[in-house]
Every structure is written in structure tokens, then in C-alpha cells.
Amino acid sequence: MGFSPREVDTMTLWELSVAARGWAKANGAEEEVAAPSYEEHLAMVRAARSLDMTA
């Protein structure tokens, strides 16, 4: 991220975490996606099991 060790030492944990999130967002990191519901998960498992993986 470009901080020197001395700069990191002077930061609070909150400041460092906010800087890390901002750096990640500015450099193309994707936002976290919400987990699927239990029903959505089961539907995805059923769909995956129905695929012919031998071809």
C-alpha cells in the first residue's frame, strides 16, 4: 500500500483497516457478496449434481 513501517507503527488499527479497505476498493477488489440462503444453496447443489461430469 506504500506505507513505511514507521507510518504503520503510528496508525491505529482502525486507521490501518480503513486504509486497507480503501486501497483494495481503489485497486479493483470486489465487494463481498451475501451468502445464499439455505434454499438457494440446496438448489445450486442439486443443479451441480445433475451435471454430467463424465463428458
N, C-alpha and C. Protein backbone atom coordinates (compact mmCIF):
# COMPACT_ATOMS: atom_id res chain seq x y z
N MET A 1 0.82 -1.19 0.00
CA MET A 1 0.00 0.00 0.00
C MET A 1 0.86 1.25 0.00
N GLY A 2 2.12 1.10 0.24
CA GLY A 2 3.00 2.25 0.16
C GLY A 2 3.36 2.92 1.47
N PHE A 3 2.89 2.37 2.59
CA PHE A 3 3.23 2.95 3.88
C PHE A 3 4.59 2.43 4.35
N SER A 4 5.35 3.29 4.98
CA SER A 4 6.61 2.85 5.58
C SER A 4 6.29 2.15 6.90
N PRO A 5 7.20 1.34 7.41
CA PRO A 5 6.96 0.71 8.71
C PRO A 5 6.69 1.73 9.81
N ARG A 6 7.36 2.85 9.77
CA ARG A 6 7.15 3.89 10.79
C ARG A 6 5.73 4.45 10.70
N GLU A 7 5.23 4.66 9.47
CA GLU A 7 3.87 5.17 9.30
C GLU A 7 2.85 4.17 9.84
N VAL A 8 3.08 2.88 9.56
CA VAL A 8 2.17 1.85 10.06
C VAL A 8 2.20 1.81 11.58
N ASP A 9 3.38 1.95 12.16
CA ASP A 9 3.50 1.95 13.62
C ASP A 9 2.72 3.07 14.28
N THR A 10 2.60 4.22 13.60
CA THR A 10 1.89 5.36 14.20
C THR A 10 0.38 5.30 13.99
N MET A 11 -0.08 4.41 13.12
CA MET A 11 -1.52 4.30 12.84
C MET A 11 -2.21 3.47 13.92
N THR A 12 -3.50 3.80 14.12
CA THR A 12 -4.33 2.94 14.96
C THR A 12 -4.78 1.77 14.09
N LEU A 13 -5.27 0.72 14.71
CA LEU A 13 -5.77 -0.42 13.96
C LEU A 13 -6.91 0.00 13.05
N TRP A 14 -7.76 0.89 13.54
CA TRP A 14 -8.88 1.39 12.73
C TRP A 14 -8.36 2.11 11.49
N GLU A 15 -7.37 2.99 11.65
CA GLU A 15 -6.82 3.73 10.51
C GLU A 15 -6.22 2.79 9.47
N LEU A 16 -5.50 1.78 9.93
CA LEU A 16 -4.89 0.84 9.00
C LEU A 16 -5.95 0.02 8.27
N SER A 17 -6.98 -0.42 8.97
CA SER A 17 -8.02 -1.22 8.32
C SER A 17 -8.81 -0.39 7.31
N VAL A 18 -9.08 0.86 7.62
CA VAL A 18 -9.79 1.73 6.68
C VAL A 18 -8.92 2.00 5.46
N ALA A 19 -7.63 2.22 5.67
CA ALA A 19 -6.71 2.44 4.55
C ALA A 19 -6.64 1.19 3.68
N ALA A 20 -6.60 0.02 4.29
CA ALA A 20 -6.54 -1.23 3.53
C ALA A 20 -7.80 -1.44 2.70
N ARG A 21 -8.97 -1.17 3.30
CA ARG A 21 -10.22 -1.31 2.55
C ARG A 21 -10.29 -0.31 1.40
N GLY A 22 -9.87 0.92 1.65
CA GLY A 22 -9.87 1.94 0.59
C GLY A 22 -8.91 1.59 -0.52
N TRP A 23 -7.74 1.09 -0.17
CA TRP A 23 -6.75 0.70 -1.17
C TRP A 23 -7.29 -0.45 -2.02
N ALA A 24 -7.90 -1.44 -1.37
CA ALA A 24 -8.45 -2.58 -2.09
C ALA A 24 -9.56 -2.14 -3.04
N LYS A 25 -10.44 -1.28 -2.57
CA LYS A 25 -11.54 -0.81 -3.41
C LYS A 25 -11.02 0.00 -4.60
N ALA A 26 -10.02 0.83 -4.38
CA ALA A 26 -9.45 1.65 -5.45
C ALA A 26 -8.69 0.82 -6.47
N ASN A 27 -8.25 -0.36 -6.07
CA ASN A 27 -7.46 -1.19 -6.95
C ASN A 27 -8.22 -2.40 -7.48
N GLY A 28 -9.53 -2.30 -7.49
CA GLY A 28 -10.36 -3.29 -8.17
C GLY A 28 -10.85 -4.45 -7.34
N ALA A 29 -10.70 -4.41 -6.04
CA ALA A 29 -11.23 -5.51 -5.23
C ALA A 29 -12.75 -5.46 -5.27
N GLU A 30 -13.34 -6.63 -5.33
CA GLU A 30 -14.80 -6.69 -5.38
C GLU A 30 -15.37 -6.62 -3.97
N GLU A 31 -16.58 -6.10 -3.89
CA GLU A 31 -17.26 -6.04 -2.61
C GLU A 31 -17.74 -7.44 -2.24
N GLU A 32 -17.84 -7.71 -0.95
CA GLU A 32 -18.28 -9.02 -0.51
C GLU A 32 -19.72 -9.27 -0.94
N VAL A 33 -19.97 -10.50 -1.32
CA VAL A 33 -21.30 -10.90 -1.76
C VAL A 33 -21.98 -11.62 -0.60
N ALA A 34 -23.26 -11.36 -0.44
CA ALA A 34 -24.01 -12.02 0.64
C ALA A 34 -24.10 -13.52 0.37
N ALA A 35 -24.06 -14.29 1.41
CA ALA A 35 -24.16 -15.75 1.28
C ALA A 35 -25.56 -16.12 0.80
N PRO A 36 -25.67 -17.20 0.02
CA PRO A 36 -27.00 -17.62 -0.43
C PRO A 36 -27.82 -18.16 0.74
N SER A 37 -29.13 -18.10 0.58
CA SER A 37 -29.99 -18.68 1.61
C SER A 37 -29.85 -20.21 1.55
N TYR A 38 -30.38 -20.88 2.55
CA TYR A 38 -30.29 -22.34 2.58
C TYR A 38 -30.98 -22.94 1.36
N GLU A 39 -32.12 -22.39 0.98
CA GLU A 39 -32.85 -22.89 -0.19
C GLU A 39 -32.05 -22.67 -1.47
N GLU A 40 -31.42 -21.50 -1.60
CA GLU A 40 -30.59 -21.22 -2.77
C GLU A 40 -29.40 -22.17 -2.83
N HIS A 41 -28.82 -22.44 -1.68
CA HIS A 41 -27.69 -23.37 -1.61
C HIS A 41 -28.12 -24.76 -2.09
N LEU A 42 -29.24 -25.25 -1.58
CA LEU A 42 -29.73 -26.56 -1.99
C LEU A 42 -30.01 -26.61 -3.48
N ALA A 43 -30.57 -25.55 -4.03
CA ALA A 43 -30.83 -25.51 -5.47
C ALA A 43 -29.53 -25.58 -6.27
N MET A 44 -28.49 -24.89 -5.81
CA MET A 44 -27.20 -24.94 -6.51
C MET A 44 -26.57 -26.32 -6.41
N VAL A 45 -26.71 -26.97 -5.25
CA VAL A 45 -26.17 -28.33 -5.08
C VAL A 45 -26.90 -29.29 -6.01
N ARG A 46 -28.21 -29.19 -6.06
CA ARG A 46 -28.99 -30.07 -6.96
C ARG A 46 -28.60 -29.84 -8.41
N ALA A 47 -28.42 -28.59 -8.80
CA ALA A 47 -28.03 -28.28 -10.18
C ALA A 47 -26.64 -28.83 -10.48
N ALA A 48 -25.73 -28.73 -9.55
CA ALA A 48 -24.38 -29.25 -9.77
C ALA A 48 -24.39 -30.77 -9.87
N ARG A 49 -25.20 -31.42 -9.06
CA ARG A 49 -25.29 -32.89 -9.10
C ARG A 49 -25.92 -33.38 -10.39
N SER A 50 -26.76 -32.57 -11.00
CA SER A 50 -27.43 -33.00 -12.23
C SER A 50 -26.54 -32.85 -13.46
N LEU A 51 -25.41 -32.17 -13.33
CA LEU A 51 -24.50 -32.01 -14.46
C LEU A 51 -23.78 -33.33 -14.73
N ASP A 52 -23.57 -33.62 -16.01
CA ASP A 52 -22.83 -34.82 -16.38
C ASP A 52 -21.35 -34.47 -16.39
N MET A 53 -20.64 -34.86 -15.35
CA MET A 53 -19.23 -34.51 -15.22
C MET A 53 -18.30 -35.53 -15.88
N THR A 54 -18.85 -36.55 -16.53
CA THR A 54 -18.01 -37.57 -17.17
C THR A 54 -17.68 -37.24 -18.60
N ALA A 55 -18.34 -36.26 -19.17
CA ALA A 55 -18.13 -35.93 -20.59
C ALA A 55 -16.89 -35.08 -20.78
